[in-house]
PDB file of N, CA and C in Angstrom:
ATOM      1  N   UNK A   1     -49.335  44.534  79.322  1.00  0.00           N
ATOM      2  CA  UNK A   1     -49.407  43.792  78.111  1.00  0.00           C
ATOM      3  C   UNK A   1     -49.346  42.324  78.435  1.00  0.00           C
ATOM      4  N   UNK A   2     -50.029  41.570  77.667  1.00  0.00           N
ATOM      5  CA  UNK A   2     -50.210  40.113  77.829  1.00  0.00           C
ATOM      6  C   UNK A   2     -49.107  39.421  77.120  1.00  0.00           C
ATOM      7  N   UNK A   3     -48.684  38.210  77.679  1.00  0.00           N
ATOM      8  CA  UNK A   3     -47.726  37.470  77.022  1.00  0.00           C
ATOM      9  C   UNK A   3     -48.383  36.535  76.066  1.00  0.00           C
ATOM     10  N   UNK A   4     -47.677  35.826  75.130  1.00  0.00           N
ATOM     11  CA  UNK A   4     -48.249  34.999  74.151  1.00  0.00           C
ATOM     12  C   UNK A   4     -49.158  33.930  74.661  1.00  0.00           C
ATOM     13  N   UNK A   5     -48.815  33.303  75.774  1.00  0.00           N
ATOM     14  CA  UNK A   5     -49.644  32.249  76.341  1.00  0.00           C
ATOM     15  C   UNK A   5     -51.052  32.783  76.751  1.00  0.00           C
ATOM     16  N   UNK A   6     -50.961  33.974  77.443  1.00  0.00           N
ATOM     17  CA  UNK A   6     -52.266  34.597  77.795  1.00  0.00           C
ATOM     18  C   UNK A   6     -53.122  34.976  76.666  1.00  0.00           C
ATOM     19  N   UNK A   7     -52.559  35.460  75.587  1.00  0.00           N
ATOM     20  CA  UNK A   7     -53.350  35.853  74.371  1.00  0.00           C
ATOM     21  C   UNK A   7     -53.971  34.597  73.728  1.00  0.00           C
ATOM     22  N   UNK A   8     -53.282  33.488  73.736  1.00  0.00           N
ATOM     23  CA  UNK A   8     -53.726  32.258  73.079  1.00  0.00           C
ATOM     24  C   UNK A   8     -54.679  31.404  73.999  1.00  0.00           C
ATOM     25  N   UNK A   9     -54.609  31.704  75.272  1.00  0.00           N
ATOM     26  CA  UNK A   9     -55.428  30.886  76.225  1.00  0.00           C
ATOM     27  C   UNK A   9     -56.861  30.918  75.901  1.00  0.00           C
ATOM     28  N   UNK A  10     -57.486  29.772  75.776  1.00  0.00           N
ATOM     29  CA  UNK A  10     -58.871  29.520  75.456  1.00  0.00           C
ATOM     30  C   UNK A  10     -59.338  30.033  74.087  1.00  0.00           C
ATOM     31  N   UNK A  11     -58.409  30.343  73.227  1.00  0.00           N
ATOM     32  CA  UNK A  11     -58.690  30.762  71.785  1.00  0.00           C
ATOM     33  C   UNK A  11     -58.549  29.565  70.847  1.00  0.00           C
ATOM     34  N   UNK A  12     -59.683  29.202  70.201  1.00  0.00           N
ATOM     35  CA  UNK A  12     -59.578  27.957  69.371  1.00  0.00           C
ATOM     36  C   UNK A  12     -58.828  28.334  68.053  1.00  0.00           C
ATOM     37  N   UNK A  13     -58.224  27.307  67.445  1.00  0.00           N
ATOM     38  CA  UNK A  13     -57.561  27.490  66.160  1.00  0.00           C
ATOM     39  C   UNK A  13     -58.550  28.044  65.100  1.00  0.00           C
ATOM     40  N   UNK A  14     -59.774  27.656  65.152  1.00  0.00           N
ATOM     41  CA  UNK A  14     -60.772  28.197  64.177  1.00  0.00           C
ATOM     42  C   UNK A  14     -60.964  29.686  64.380  1.00  0.00           C
ATOM     43  N   UNK A  15     -61.096  30.077  65.663  1.00  0.00           N
ATOM     44  CA  UNK A  15     -61.292  31.523  65.941  1.00  0.00           C
ATOM     45  C   UNK A  15     -59.968  32.275  65.432  1.00  0.00           C
ATOM     46  N   UNK A  16     -58.842  31.702  65.747  1.00  0.00           N
ATOM     47  CA  UNK A  16     -57.632  32.389  65.178  1.00  0.00           C
ATOM     48  C   UNK A  16     -57.577  32.548  63.690  1.00  0.00           C
ATOM     49  N   UNK A  17     -57.935  31.447  62.970  1.00  0.00           N
ATOM     50  CA  UNK A  17     -57.917  31.496  61.541  1.00  0.00           C
ATOM     51  C   UNK A  17     -58.961  32.391  61.035  1.00  0.00           C
ATOM     52  N   UNK A  18     -60.178  32.389  61.674  1.00  0.00           N
ATOM     53  CA  UNK A  18     -61.183  33.341  61.235  1.00  0.00           C
ATOM     54  C   UNK A  18     -60.781  34.845  61.304  1.00  0.00           C
ATOM     55  N   UNK A  19     -60.105  35.061  62.411  1.00  0.00           N
ATOM     56  CA  UNK A  19     -59.666  36.515  62.643  1.00  0.00           C
ATOM     57  C   UNK A  19     -58.577  36.931  61.670  1.00  0.00           C
ATOM     58  N   UNK A  20     -57.651  35.928  61.404  1.00  0.00           N
ATOM     59  CA  UNK A  20     -56.642  36.255  60.379  1.00  0.00           C
ATOM     60  C   UNK A  20     -57.162  36.378  58.990  1.00  0.00           C
ATOM     61  N   UNK A  21     -58.135  35.569  58.679  1.00  0.00           N
ATOM     62  CA  UNK A  21     -58.770  35.738  57.319  1.00  0.00           C
ATOM     63  C   UNK A  21     -59.504  36.918  57.235  1.00  0.00           C
ATOM     64  N   UNK A  22     -60.172  37.427  58.289  1.00  0.00           N
ATOM     65  CA  UNK A  22     -60.910  38.705  58.207  1.00  0.00           C
ATOM     66  C   UNK A  22     -59.917  39.819  57.975  1.00  0.00           C
ATOM     67  N   UNK A  23     -58.787  39.797  58.559  1.00  0.00           N
ATOM     68  CA  UNK A  23     -57.756  40.800  58.435  1.00  0.00           C
ATOM     69  C   UNK A  23     -56.945  40.773  57.125  1.00  0.00           C
ATOM     70  N   UNK A  24     -56.548  39.558  56.746  1.00  0.00           N
ATOM     71  CA  UNK A  24     -55.595  39.422  55.633  1.00  0.00           C
ATOM     72  C   UNK A  24     -56.144  38.690  54.409  1.00  0.00           C
ATOM     73  N   UNK A  25     -57.110  37.817  54.616  1.00  0.00           N
ATOM     74  CA  UNK A  25     -57.653  36.968  53.460  1.00  0.00           C
ATOM     75  C   UNK A  25     -56.622  35.868  53.222  1.00  0.00           C
ATOM     76  N   UNK A  26     -57.073  34.875  52.305  1.00  0.00           N
ATOM     77  CA  UNK A  26     -56.106  33.791  52.036  1.00  0.00           C
ATOM     78  C   UNK A  26     -54.869  34.276  51.283  1.00  0.00           C
ATOM     79  N   UNK A  27     -55.048  35.297  50.461  1.00  0.00           N
ATOM     80  CA  UNK A  27     -53.814  35.781  49.682  1.00  0.00           C
ATOM     81  C   UNK A  27     -52.846  36.422  50.699  1.00  0.00           C
ATOM     82  N   UNK A  28     -53.383  37.214  51.580  1.00  0.00           N
ATOM     83  CA  UNK A  28     -52.468  37.839  52.566  1.00  0.00           C
ATOM     84  C   UNK A  28     -51.814  36.834  53.505  1.00  0.00           C
ATOM     85  N   UNK A  29     -52.569  35.811  53.920  1.00  0.00           N
ATOM     86  CA  UNK A  29     -51.896  34.821  54.684  1.00  0.00           C
ATOM     87  C   UNK A  29     -50.827  34.034  53.902  1.00  0.00           C
ATOM     88  N   UNK A  30     -51.067  33.733  52.641  1.00  0.00           N
ATOM     89  CA  UNK A  30     -50.065  33.014  51.800  1.00  0.00           C
ATOM     90  C   UNK A  30     -48.839  33.936  51.687  1.00  0.00           C
ATOM     91  N   UNK A  31     -48.970  35.222  51.443  1.00  0.00           N
ATOM     92  CA  UNK A  31     -47.862  36.007  51.285  1.00  0.00           C
ATOM     93  C   UNK A  31     -47.056  36.233  52.579  1.00  0.00           C
ATOM     94  N   UNK A  32     -47.719  36.175  53.746  1.00  0.00           N
ATOM     95  CA  UNK A  32     -47.020  36.246  54.994  1.00  0.00           C
ATOM     96  C   UNK A  32     -46.401  34.966  55.480  1.00  0.00           C
ATOM     97  N   UNK A  33     -47.078  33.917  55.234  1.00  0.00           N
ATOM     98  CA  UNK A  33     -46.680  32.596  55.866  1.00  0.00           C
ATOM     99  C   UNK A  33     -46.168  31.556  54.859  1.00  0.00           C
ATOM    100  N   UNK A  34     -46.395  31.766  53.597  1.00  0.00           N
ATOM    101  CA  UNK A  34     -45.951  30.808  52.557  1.00  0.00           C
ATOM    102  C   UNK A  34     -46.351  29.325  52.887  1.00  0.00           C
ATOM    103  N   UNK A  35     -47.566  29.157  53.006  1.00  0.00           N
ATOM    104  CA  UNK A  35     -48.108  27.797  53.263  1.00  0.00           C
ATOM    105  C   UNK A  35     -49.083  27.394  52.156  1.00  0.00           C
ATOM    106  N   UNK A  36     -48.942  26.192  51.637  1.00  0.00           N
ATOM    107  CA  UNK A  36     -49.798  25.757  50.495  1.00  0.00           C
ATOM    108  C   UNK A  36     -51.258  25.740  50.820  1.00  0.00           C
ATOM    109  N   UNK A  37     -51.555  25.566  52.069  1.00  0.00           N
ATOM    110  CA  UNK A  37     -52.997  25.514  52.436  1.00  0.00           C
ATOM    111  C   UNK A  37     -53.673  26.868  52.206  1.00  0.00           C
ATOM    112  N   UNK A  38     -52.959  27.953  52.147  1.00  0.00           N
ATOM    113  CA  UNK A  38     -53.486  29.258  51.834  1.00  0.00           C
ATOM    114  C   UNK A  38     -53.420  29.637  50.410  1.00  0.00           C
ATOM    115  N   UNK A  39     -52.734  28.846  49.578  1.00  0.00           N
ATOM    116  CA  UNK A  39     -52.599  29.174  48.203  1.00  0.00           C
ATOM    117  C   UNK A  39     -53.329  28.238  47.249  1.00  0.00           C
ATOM    118  N   UNK A  40     -53.198  26.917  47.457  1.00  0.00           N
ATOM    119  CA  UNK A  40     -53.666  25.943  46.564  1.00  0.00           C
ATOM    120  C   UNK A  40     -55.143  25.518  46.980  1.00  0.00           C
ATOM    121  N   UNK A  41     -56.078  26.054  46.261  1.00  0.00           N
ATOM    122  CA  UNK A  41     -57.583  25.891  46.572  1.00  0.00           C
ATOM    123  C   UNK A  41     -57.832  25.954  48.073  1.00  0.00           C
ATOM    124  N   UNK A  42     -57.685  27.114  48.586  1.00  0.00           N
ATOM    125  CA  UNK A  42     -57.806  27.323  50.139  1.00  0.00           C
ATOM    126  C   UNK A  42     -59.178  27.289  50.671  1.00  0.00           C
ATOM    127  N   UNK A  43     -59.429  26.699  51.721  1.00  0.00           N
ATOM    128  CA  UNK A  43     -60.664  26.685  52.458  1.00  0.00           C
ATOM    129  C   UNK A  43     -60.412  26.694  53.971  1.00  0.00           C
ATOM    130  N   UNK A  44     -61.351  27.063  54.713  1.00  0.00           N
ATOM    131  CA  UNK A  44     -61.176  27.041  56.189  1.00  0.00           C
ATOM    132  C   UNK A  44     -60.983  25.594  56.627  1.00  0.00           C
ATOM    133  N   UNK A  45     -61.744  24.784  56.095  1.00  0.00           N
ATOM    134  CA  UNK A  45     -61.736  23.291  56.476  1.00  0.00           C
ATOM    135  C   UNK A  45     -60.378  22.669  56.258  1.00  0.00           C
ATOM    136  N   UNK A  46     -59.906  22.906  54.975  1.00  0.00           N
ATOM    137  CA  UNK A  46     -58.643  22.207  54.589  1.00  0.00           C
ATOM    138  C   UNK A  46     -57.473  22.881  55.421  1.00  0.00           C
ATOM    139  N   UNK A  47     -57.538  24.136  55.614  1.00  0.00           N
ATOM    140  CA  UNK A  47     -56.537  24.866  56.317  1.00  0.00           C
ATOM    141  C   UNK A  47     -56.494  24.349  57.831  1.00  0.00           C
ATOM    142  N   UNK A  48     -57.639  24.251  58.398  1.00  0.00           N
ATOM    143  CA  UNK A  48     -57.631  23.727  59.804  1.00  0.00           C
ATOM    144  C   UNK A  48     -57.081  22.383  59.892  1.00  0.00           C
ATOM    145  N   UNK A  49     -57.530  21.422  58.990  1.00  0.00           N
ATOM    146  CA  UNK A  49     -57.002  20.123  58.968  1.00  0.00           C
ATOM    147  C   UNK A  49     -55.426  20.122  58.877  1.00  0.00           C
ATOM    148  N   UNK A  50     -54.914  20.895  57.945  1.00  0.00           N
ATOM    149  CA  UNK A  50     -53.454  21.007  57.857  1.00  0.00           C
ATOM    150  C   UNK A  50     -52.796  21.533  59.121  1.00  0.00           C
ATOM    151  N   UNK A  51     -53.314  22.632  59.645  1.00  0.00           N
ATOM    152  CA  UNK A  51     -52.746  23.239  60.829  1.00  0.00           C
ATOM    153  C   UNK A  51     -52.863  22.392  62.030  1.00  0.00           C
ATOM    154  N   UNK A  52     -53.869  21.604  62.202  1.00  0.00           N
ATOM    155  CA  UNK A  52     -53.958  20.694  63.383  1.00  0.00           C
ATOM    156  C   UNK A  52     -52.942  19.510  63.229  1.00  0.00           C
ATOM    157  N   UNK A  53     -52.556  19.156  62.032  1.00  0.00           N
ATOM    158  CA  UNK A  53     -51.598  18.036  61.857  1.00  0.00           C
ATOM    159  C   UNK A  53     -50.174  18.460  61.745  1.00  0.00           C
ATOM    160  N   UNK A  54     -49.906  19.767  61.679  1.00  0.00           N
ATOM    161  CA  UNK A  54     -48.568  20.304  61.373  1.00  0.00           C
ATOM    162  C   UNK A  54     -48.222  21.375  62.457  1.00  0.00           C
ATOM    163  N   UNK A  55     -47.559  20.920  63.433  1.00  0.00           N
ATOM    164  CA  UNK A  55     -47.143  21.804  64.578  1.00  0.00           C
ATOM    165  C   UNK A  55     -46.373  23.069  64.119  1.00  0.00           C
ATOM    166  N   UNK A  56     -45.417  22.953  63.225  1.00  0.00           N
ATOM    167  CA  UNK A  56     -44.661  24.142  62.821  1.00  0.00           C
ATOM    168  C   UNK A  56     -45.550  25.242  62.150  1.00  0.00           C
ATOM    169  N   UNK A  57     -46.475  24.670  61.341  1.00  0.00           N
ATOM    170  CA  UNK A  57     -47.419  25.614  60.677  1.00  0.00           C
ATOM    171  C   UNK A  57     -48.409  26.257  61.711  1.00  0.00           C
ATOM    172  N   UNK A  58     -48.851  25.561  62.602  1.00  0.00           N
ATOM    173  CA  UNK A  58     -49.756  26.050  63.655  1.00  0.00           C
ATOM    174  C   UNK A  58     -49.054  27.159  64.472  1.00  0.00           C
ATOM    175  N   UNK A  59     -47.738  26.942  64.795  1.00  0.00           N
ATOM    176  CA  UNK A  59     -47.028  27.886  65.545  1.00  0.00           C
ATOM    177  C   UNK A  59     -46.870  29.183  64.766  1.00  0.00           C
ATOM    178  N   UNK A  60     -46.621  29.112  63.473  1.00  0.00           N
ATOM    179  CA  UNK A  60     -46.495  30.339  62.607  1.00  0.00           C
ATOM    180  C   UNK A  60     -47.814  31.089  62.636  1.00  0.00           C
ATOM    181  N   UNK A  61     -48.963  30.388  62.493  1.00  0.00           N
ATOM    182  CA  UNK A  61     -50.291  31.011  62.402  1.00  0.00           C
ATOM    183  C   UNK A  61     -50.528  31.621  63.767  1.00  0.00           C
ATOM    184  N   UNK A  62     -50.264  30.894  64.894  1.00  0.00           N
ATOM    185  CA  UNK A  62     -50.514  31.458  66.195  1.00  0.00           C
ATOM    186  C   UNK A  62     -49.641  32.769  66.424  1.00  0.00           C
ATOM    187  N   UNK A  63     -48.366  32.731  65.988  1.00  0.00           N
ATOM    188  CA  UNK A  63     -47.482  33.795  66.114  1.00  0.00           C
ATOM    189  C   UNK A  63     -48.013  35.065  65.430  1.00  0.00           C
ATOM    190  N   UNK A  64     -48.559  34.846  64.107  1.00  0.00           N
ATOM    191  CA  UNK A  64     -49.090  35.981  63.411  1.00  0.00           C
ATOM    192  C   UNK A  64     -50.236  36.557  64.084  1.00  0.00           C
ATOM    193  N   UNK A  65     -51.108  35.672  64.670  1.00  0.00           N
ATOM    194  CA  UNK A  65     -52.324  36.065  65.409  1.00  0.00           C
ATOM    195  C   UNK A  65     -51.865  36.902  66.608  1.00  0.00           C
ATOM    196  N   UNK A  66     -50.928  36.436  67.375  1.00  0.00           N
ATOM    197  CA  UNK A  66     -50.417  37.200  68.534  1.00  0.00           C
ATOM    198  C   UNK A  66     -49.931  38.579  68.103  1.00  0.00           C
ATOM    199  N   UNK A  67     -49.196  38.645  67.034  1.00  0.00           N
ATOM    200  CA  UNK A  67     -48.648  39.926  66.511  1.00  0.00           C
ATOM    201  C   UNK A  67     -49.854  40.851  66.212  1.00  0.00           C
ATOM    202  N   UNK A  68     -50.884  40.330  65.546  1.00  0.00           N
ATOM    203  CA  UNK A  68     -52.126  41.086  65.196  1.00  0.00           C
ATOM    204  C   UNK A  68     -52.792  41.632  66.377  1.00  0.00           C
ATOM    205  N   UNK A  69     -53.082  40.774  67.407  1.00  0.00           N
ATOM    206  CA  UNK A  69     -53.698  41.167  68.608  1.00  0.00           C
ATOM    207  C   UNK A  69     -52.880  42.213  69.364  1.00  0.00           C
ATOM    208  N   UNK A  70     -51.554  41.925  69.414  1.00  0.00           N
ATOM    209  CA  UNK A  70     -50.734  42.933  70.113  1.00  0.00           C
ATOM    210  C   UNK A  70     -50.674  44.338  69.519  1.00  0.00           C
ATOM    211  N   UNK A  71     -50.769  44.356  68.123  1.00  0.00           N
ATOM    212  CA  UNK A  71     -50.855  45.594  67.471  1.00  0.00           C
ATOM    213  C   UNK A  71     -52.120  46.342  67.682  1.00  0.00           C
ATOM    214  N   UNK A  72     -53.212  45.622  67.973  1.00  0.00           N
ATOM    215  CA  UNK A  72     -54.558  46.154  68.084  1.00  0.00           C
ATOM    216  C   UNK A  72     -54.766  46.705  69.576  1.00  0.00           C
ATOM    217  N   UNK A  73     -53.908  46.278  70.467  1.00  0.00           N
ATOM    218  CA  UNK A  73     -53.996  46.759  71.814  1.00  0.00           C
ATOM    219  C   UNK A  73     -53.517  48.261  72.013  1.00  0.00           C
TER     220      UNK A  73
END
């Protein structure tokens, strides 16, 4: 089993967001993470901008991605 660092190594934030949106959609991300960028007029571009500027939010998104990848293994 890989650790979190290995799972996230070389994976871009856009790739992470794309995979999470494919799995959960904006509504699902909002219900899991409670972030305005997934609720108020959501788009990939605005979400990426917010996540790149907000370390705590990026950490939550990366953690959800790691959980998803780990479940799929």
